[in-house]
Amino acid sequence: MPKASIKRKINCSKKDLIDLVLNIEEYPKFIPYCLNAHIYKDESEGNFQYIEADLTIGKGPFKDTYKSDVKFDKKESIIYVKNIEGPLKYLENKWKFDQKENFTEVTFDLDFELKNKFLNIFMNKSFKYGLDKIADAFQTRAEKLFNKVQ
């Protein structure tokens, strides 16, 4: 089903960008179609941070909530996300952060499939547009909040 990768150069520090992505409860303030977010678990163990969270996504009368398992590898600066339950048959995404001299290169890989076959057909047609909107939202938010490399 839909699978894509986006790479962005963002004029912010790697630490600020990682904090932005891990601050899941703020997503409804800036991500299109994100209606609600809730973190149930946030624990650290060694080089890893583990988060369990819900996101409610929707537009108009269509909305649904899915629960995700988020693992942040502090040593490698990679965030892995997998779905636990909800409308997704599966979800895997990965955020990778690479600090350069004057910017941070962020790579976002996403692969998912919905349980509803009709919605999968719809998502295939609008997937790239939606993914670009989400990446734009993160970049705009980061540059508004941080706008410098530290």
Protein backbone atom coordinates (compact mmCIF):
# COMPACT_ATOMS: atom_id res chain seq x y z
CA MET A 1 0.00 0.00 0.00
CA PRO A 2 1.20 3.61 0.32
CA LYS A 3 4.91 3.92 0.91
CA ALA A 4 7.02 7.06 0.64
CA SER A 5 10.10 8.88 1.83
CA ILE A 6 10.57 12.62 2.25
CA LYS A 7 13.82 14.42 2.96
CA ARG A 8 13.98 18.02 4.20
CA LYS A 9 16.73 20.45 5.15
CA ILE A 10 15.48 22.44 8.13
CA ASN A 11 17.26 25.41 9.71
CA CYS A 12 16.94 24.09 13.27
CA SER A 13 19.06 21.98 15.59
CA LYS A 14 18.66 18.22 15.61
CA LYS A 15 17.70 18.29 19.30
CA ASP A 16 14.89 20.80 18.73
CA LEU A 17 13.49 18.77 15.82
CA ILE A 18 13.56 15.52 17.78
CA ASP A 19 11.80 17.25 20.69
CA LEU A 20 9.16 18.58 18.28
CA VAL A 21 8.42 15.12 16.85
CA LEU A 22 8.30 13.51 20.30
CA ASN A 23 5.96 16.21 21.66
CA ILE A 24 2.98 14.30 20.28
CA GLU A 25 0.33 16.05 22.38
CA GLU A 26 1.08 19.30 20.50
CA TYR A 27 0.29 17.80 17.06
CA PRO A 28 -3.33 19.05 16.93
CA LYS A 29 -2.01 22.63 17.03
CA PHE A 30 -0.21 22.34 13.70
CA ILE A 31 -0.75 19.07 11.83
CA PRO A 32 -3.59 19.10 9.29
CA TYR A 33 -6.49 16.78 10.18
CA CYS A 34 -5.00 15.89 13.59
CA LEU A 35 -7.87 16.45 15.99
CA ASN A 36 -6.50 15.06 19.26
CA ALA A 37 -3.42 13.43 20.76
CA HIS A 38 -2.77 11.72 24.06
CA ILE A 39 0.36 10.12 25.52
CA TYR A 40 -0.27 7.09 27.77
CA LYS A 41 3.31 6.07 28.48
CA ASP A 42 6.64 7.89 28.27
CA GLU A 43 9.61 5.98 29.69
CA SER A 44 13.36 5.97 29.15
CA GLU A 45 15.68 3.01 29.44
CA GLY A 46 19.33 3.36 28.50
CA ASN A 47 19.65 4.83 24.99
CA PHE A 48 15.93 4.44 24.28
CA GLN A 49 12.77 6.40 24.99
CA TYR A 50 9.46 4.53 24.69
CA ILE A 51 6.15 6.33 24.13
CA GLU A 52 2.65 4.95 23.67
CA ALA A 53 0.18 7.47 22.27
CA ASP A 54 -3.16 7.96 20.52
CA LEU A 55 -3.78 10.25 17.57
CA THR A 56 -7.26 11.12 16.36
CA ILE A 57 -7.23 12.01 12.68
CA GLY A 58 -10.15 13.14 10.59
CA LYS A 59 -12.05 15.69 8.58
CA GLY A 60 -15.73 16.47 8.76
CA PRO A 61 -17.76 13.43 9.81
CA PHE A 62 -14.83 11.07 9.20
CA LYS A 63 -12.48 10.57 12.13
CA ASP A 64 -10.71 7.71 13.80
CA THR A 65 -8.16 7.13 16.54
CA TYR A 66 -5.13 4.92 16.33
CA LYS A 67 -2.65 3.96 19.00
CA SER A 68 1.07 3.91 18.26
CA ASP A 69 4.21 2.56 19.82
CA VAL A 70 7.05 5.10 19.46
CA LYS A 71 10.70 4.19 20.10
CA PHE A 72 13.40 6.86 20.06
CA ASP A 73 16.96 5.60 19.65
CA LYS A 74 18.94 8.43 21.28
CA LYS A 75 22.32 7.14 20.08
CA GLU A 76 21.30 6.92 16.40
CA SER A 77 18.86 9.89 16.44
CA ILE A 78 16.09 7.78 14.90
CA ILE A 79 12.42 7.64 15.89
CA TYR A 80 10.51 4.46 14.97
CA VAL A 81 6.70 4.35 15.01
CA LYS A 82 4.42 1.29 14.71
CA ASN A 83 0.67 1.10 15.16
CA ILE A 84 -0.79 -0.94 18.00
CA GLU A 85 -4.52 -0.64 17.28
CA GLY A 86 -7.05 1.39 15.33
CA PRO A 87 -8.06 1.70 11.66
CA LEU A 88 -4.60 0.81 10.38
CA LYS A 89 -3.79 -2.71 9.30
CA TYR A 90 -0.17 -1.68 9.82
CA LEU A 91 1.88 1.47 10.12
CA GLU A 92 5.62 1.84 10.13
CA ASN A 93 7.38 5.13 9.96
CA LYS A 94 10.88 6.30 10.73
CA TRP A 95 12.29 9.76 11.41
CA LYS A 96 16.05 10.14 10.96
CA PHE A 97 17.88 13.32 11.97
CA ASP A 98 21.34 14.24 10.67
CA GLN A 99 22.90 17.47 11.99
CA LYS A 100 24.84 19.38 9.34
CA GLU A 101 26.78 22.62 9.78
CA ASN A 102 23.90 25.07 9.17
CA PHE A 103 20.82 22.82 9.16
CA THR A 104 19.45 19.42 10.08
CA GLU A 105 18.57 16.92 7.38
CA VAL A 106 15.38 15.10 8.32
CA THR A 107 14.30 11.92 6.53
CA PHE A 108 10.75 10.68 7.06
CA ASP A 109 9.85 7.21 5.76
CA LEU A 110 6.23 6.03 5.91
CA ASP A 111 4.57 2.74 5.04
CA PHE A 112 0.99 1.93 6.03
CA GLU A 113 -2.24 0.21 5.09
CA LEU A 114 -5.76 0.83 6.37
CA LYS A 115 -8.05 -2.03 7.34
CA ASN A 116 -10.82 -0.53 5.15
CA LYS A 117 -10.10 -1.43 1.49
CA PHE A 118 -12.27 1.42 0.12
CA LEU A 119 -10.35 3.98 2.17
CA ASN A 120 -7.06 2.44 0.97
CA ILE A 121 -8.05 3.21 -2.61
CA PHE A 122 -8.87 6.79 -1.64
CA MET A 123 -5.61 7.13 0.34
CA ASN A 124 -3.52 5.88 -2.58
CA LYS A 125 -4.82 8.77 -4.69
CA SER A 126 -4.19 11.49 -2.08
CA PHE A 127 -1.26 9.96 -0.18
CA LYS A 128 1.61 12.06 -1.57
CA TYR A 129 -0.36 15.29 -1.16
CA GLY A 130 -1.19 14.47 2.46
CA LEU A 131 2.36 13.43 3.29
CA ASP A 132 3.73 16.67 1.84
CA LYS A 133 1.21 18.65 3.93
CA ILE A 134 2.34 16.88 7.10
CA ALA A 135 6.04 17.44 6.30
CA ASP A 136 5.30 21.10 5.53
CA ALA A 137 3.48 21.44 8.86
CA PHE A 138 6.44 20.05 10.83
CA GLN A 139 8.94 22.22 8.95
CA THR A 140 6.84 25.39 9.34
CA ARG A 141 6.31 24.72 13.06
CA ALA A 142 10.00 24.00 13.65
CA GLU A 143 11.19 27.09 11.82
CA LYS A 144 8.63 29.24 13.63
CA LEU A 145 9.64 27.90 17.07
CA PHE A 146 13.40 27.50 16.68
CA ASN A 147 14.70 28.96 13.37
CA LYS A 148 18.38 28.54 14.17
CA VAL A 149 21.00 25.85 14.57
CA GLN A 150 22.36 25.64 18.12
